[in-house]
Protein backbone atom coordinates (compact mmCIF):
# COMPACT_ATOMS: atom_id res chain seq x y z
CA UNK A 1 -14.65 -1.11 13.79
CA UNK A 2 -11.17 -1.81 12.43
CA UNK A 3 -10.34 -4.94 10.61
CA UNK A 4 -7.27 -6.39 9.47
CA UNK A 5 -6.59 -6.73 5.66
CA UNK A 6 -3.80 -7.09 3.07
CA UNK A 7 -2.47 -4.59 0.54
CA UNK A 8 -2.10 -6.66 -2.71
CA UNK A 9 -1.24 -5.82 -6.26
CA UNK A 10 -2.79 -7.12 -9.21
CA UNK A 11 -1.70 -6.79 -12.74
CA UNK A 12 -3.54 -5.28 -15.42
CA UNK A 13 -3.46 -4.61 -19.06
CA UNK A 14 -4.37 -1.29 -20.49
CA UNK A 15 -4.15 0.07 -23.79
CA UNK A 16 -1.85 2.88 -23.21
CA UNK A 17 0.61 4.35 -20.68
CA UNK A 18 -0.91 7.02 -18.49
CA UNK A 19 0.65 9.37 -15.77
CA UNK A 20 0.58 8.04 -12.34
CA UNK A 21 -0.05 4.31 -13.51
CA UNK A 22 1.64 2.16 -10.73
CA UNK A 23 4.55 -0.68 -11.48
CA UNK A 24 6.52 -2.80 -9.28
CA UNK A 25 10.30 -3.54 -8.63
CA UNK A 26 11.46 -6.77 -6.72
CA UNK A 27 14.16 -5.57 -4.64
CA UNK A 28 17.04 -8.27 -3.81
CA UNK A 29 15.47 -11.12 -5.44
CA UNK A 30 16.72 -14.52 -4.08
CA UNK A 31 17.56 -12.99 -0.55
CA UNK A 32 15.00 -14.53 1.41
CA UNK A 33 15.85 -11.91 4.49
CA UNK A 34 15.87 -8.82 2.26
CA UNK A 35 13.67 -9.60 -0.76
CA UNK A 36 10.76 -7.13 -0.98
CA UNK A 37 8.69 -5.19 -3.56
CA UNK A 38 8.53 -1.45 -4.28
CA UNK A 39 5.81 0.35 -5.89
CA UNK A 40 6.24 3.28 -8.28
CA UNK A 41 4.42 5.77 -10.59
CA UNK A 42 5.20 6.36 -14.23
CA UNK A 43 5.69 10.26 -14.40
CA UNK A 44 4.50 12.47 -17.31
CA UNK A 45 8.01 12.61 -18.37
CA UNK A 46 8.46 8.95 -18.61
CA UNK A 47 5.87 9.02 -21.52
CA UNK A 48 6.99 10.04 -25.06
CA UNK A 49 6.90 8.65 -28.54
CA UNK A 50 10.46 6.70 -27.90
CA UNK A 51 9.00 4.46 -25.14
CA UNK A 52 6.26 2.32 -26.37
CA UNK A 53 3.74 0.69 -24.14
CA UNK A 54 5.01 -2.87 -25.30
CA UNK A 55 8.48 -1.55 -24.60
CA UNK A 56 7.54 -0.23 -20.89
CA UNK A 57 5.79 -3.74 -20.33
CA UNK A 58 8.90 -5.56 -21.61
CA UNK A 59 11.17 -3.61 -19.43
CA UNK A 60 8.57 -3.12 -16.28
CA UNK A 61 6.26 -5.83 -16.52
CA UNK A 62 2.51 -5.02 -16.68
CA UNK A 63 1.22 -2.08 -14.22
CA UNK A 64 -0.41 -2.72 -10.94
CA UNK A 65 -3.49 -1.77 -9.16
CA UNK A 66 -3.81 -1.81 -5.13
CA UNK A 67 -6.18 -3.80 -3.71
CA UNK A 68 -7.61 -4.56 -0.18
CA UNK A 69 -8.38 -8.25 0.79
CA UNK A 70 -9.59 -9.33 3.93
CA UNK A 71 -8.11 -12.28 5.73
CA UNK A 72 -10.72 -14.84 4.22
CA UNK A 73 -10.25 -13.79 0.63
CA UNK A 74 -13.08 -11.23 0.26
CA UNK A 75 -12.37 -7.79 -1.33
CA UNK A 76 -12.47 -5.00 1.25
CA UNK A 77 -11.55 -2.31 -1.41
CA UNK A 78 -10.99 -1.81 -5.13
CA UNK A 79 -8.41 0.38 -6.49
CA UNK A 80 -10.69 3.43 -6.89
CA UNK A 81 -11.62 3.50 -3.21
CA UNK A 82 -8.28 3.44 -1.72
CA UNK A 83 -7.61 7.14 -0.26
CA UNK A 84 -7.23 7.75 3.13
CA UNK A 85 -4.56 7.06 5.67
CA UNK A 86 -5.05 7.60 9.68
CA UNK A 87 -1.74 8.38 10.81
CA UNK A 88 -2.62 7.87 14.58
CA UNK A 89 -1.33 10.20 17.26
CA UNK A 90 0.65 12.28 15.15
CA UNK A 91 -2.37 14.07 13.58
CA UNK A 92 -6.11 14.25 13.94
CA UNK A 93 -6.59 14.74 10.25
CA UNK A 94 -6.60 11.82 7.54
CA UNK A 95 -3.61 11.63 5.23
CA UNK A 96 -3.62 10.56 1.45
CA UNK A 97 -2.88 6.97 1.01
CA UNK A 98 0.24 7.40 -1.44
CA UNK A 99 3.08 5.21 -2.66
CA UNK A 100 5.24 6.03 0.43
CA UNK A 101 2.57 4.35 2.82
CA UNK A 102 2.21 1.72 0.35
CA UNK A 103 5.80 0.66 0.06
CA UNK A 104 6.44 1.09 3.90
CA UNK A 105 3.31 -1.36 4.49
CA UNK A 106 4.70 -3.64 2.02
CA UNK A 107 8.22 -3.69 2.75
CA UNK A 108 7.90 -3.49 7.05
CA UNK A 109 4.48 -5.35 7.42
CA UNK A 110 4.27 -7.89 4.61
CA UNK A 111 1.20 -5.75 3.13
CA UNK A 112 -0.82 -6.06 6.29
CA UNK A 113 -2.60 -3.05 7.57
CA UNK A 114 -6.32 -2.33 8.83
CA UNK A 115 -9.57 -0.80 7.18
CA UNK A 116 -12.38 0.88 9.00
CA UNK A 117 -15.75 -0.76 8.43
CA UNK A 118 -19.36 -0.48 9.48
CA UNK A 119 -19.62 -2.67 12.75
CA UNK A 120 -23.35 -3.59 12.23
CA UNK A 121 -22.88 -4.83 8.69
CA UNK A 122 -19.69 -6.83 9.76
CA UNK A 123 -21.67 -8.49 12.49
CA UNK A 124 -24.02 -9.77 9.52
CA UNK A 125 -21.22 -11.13 7.73
CA UNK A 126 -20.60 -7.98 5.10
CA UNK A 127 -17.51 -6.11 5.02
CA UNK A 128 -18.80 -2.50 4.40
CA UNK A 129 -15.98 -0.18 4.45
CA UNK A 130 -16.71 3.28 6.03
CA UNK A 131 -15.96 6.03 3.28
CA UNK A 132 -14.73 9.65 3.85
CA UNK A 133 -14.90 11.70 0.41
CA UNK A 134 -15.74 8.34 -1.56
CA UNK A 135 -12.44 6.73 -0.25
CA UNK A 136 -11.94 3.93 2.35
CA UNK A 137 -9.88 4.94 5.72
CA UNK A 138 -6.70 2.74 6.51
CA UNK A 139 -4.23 2.55 9.32
CA UNK A 140 -1.42 0.46 10.60
CA UNK A 141 -2.44 -2.83 12.42
CA UNK A 142 -3.15 -2.13 16.09
CA UNK A 143 -1.01 -5.21 17.60
CA UNK A 144 1.91 -3.73 16.39
CA UNK A 145 2.55 -0.86 18.71
CA UNK A 146 5.86 0.12 17.09
CA UNK A 147 4.31 0.56 13.72
CA UNK A 148 3.54 4.16 13.97
CA UNK A 149 6.45 5.16 15.85
CA UNK A 150 8.62 3.67 12.99
CA UNK A 151 6.58 5.24 10.19
CA UNK A 152 6.63 8.70 11.56
CA UNK A 153 10.19 8.88 13.00
CA UNK A 154 11.96 11.90 11.50
CA UNK A 155 14.49 11.32 8.76
CA UNK A 156 13.28 7.89 8.24
CA UNK A 157 14.15 5.91 4.94
CA UNK A 158 12.30 2.76 4.70
CA UNK A 159 14.94 1.79 2.18
CA UNK A 160 17.26 0.86 4.54
CA UNK A 161 15.55 -0.83 7.49
CA UNK A 162 15.00 -4.19 7.40
CA UNK A 163 13.87 -5.07 11.02
CA UNK A 164 11.88 -2.37 12.89
CA UNK A 165 13.76 -3.71 15.98
CA UNK A 166 16.82 -2.31 14.76
CA UNK A 167 15.36 1.20 16.12
CA UNK A 168 14.48 -0.06 19.59
CA UNK A 169 16.68 1.80 22.21
CA UNK A 170 18.47 -0.75 24.52
């Protein structure tokens, strides 16, 4: 069974910089119509003696980790469990849930998506995700029929579309 949840990012304070560590940028701050966040990963070449951990935090803020939270505030998945994305009709195989999917969901759907959970446990009030290779499975919200088409459209650039309605043919 699929239930709605929200992708949120929480700051943490590690001891040192590591490749793949996630950071957040605010895009268009102060512009209510275009304000959004963008997640990016630290690359190996960004870690060197001239950039200390303190300098990175001063410039970019503390690193973040993705969490999945249910609508009633319960934790649906912790960072180490987030891993698979169901692209819907485009493929029968699950794809890795990467920064691309994170940014798309944050920018176009305000962080809302669905997680696959055990229906029997949910009826008893327990959010028990179904795991595939130790990772939870996520997908777009099903009540937004255009989400999959928007995401999968060839040549899509999620930095230039503010309103999915702009893509609809008239």
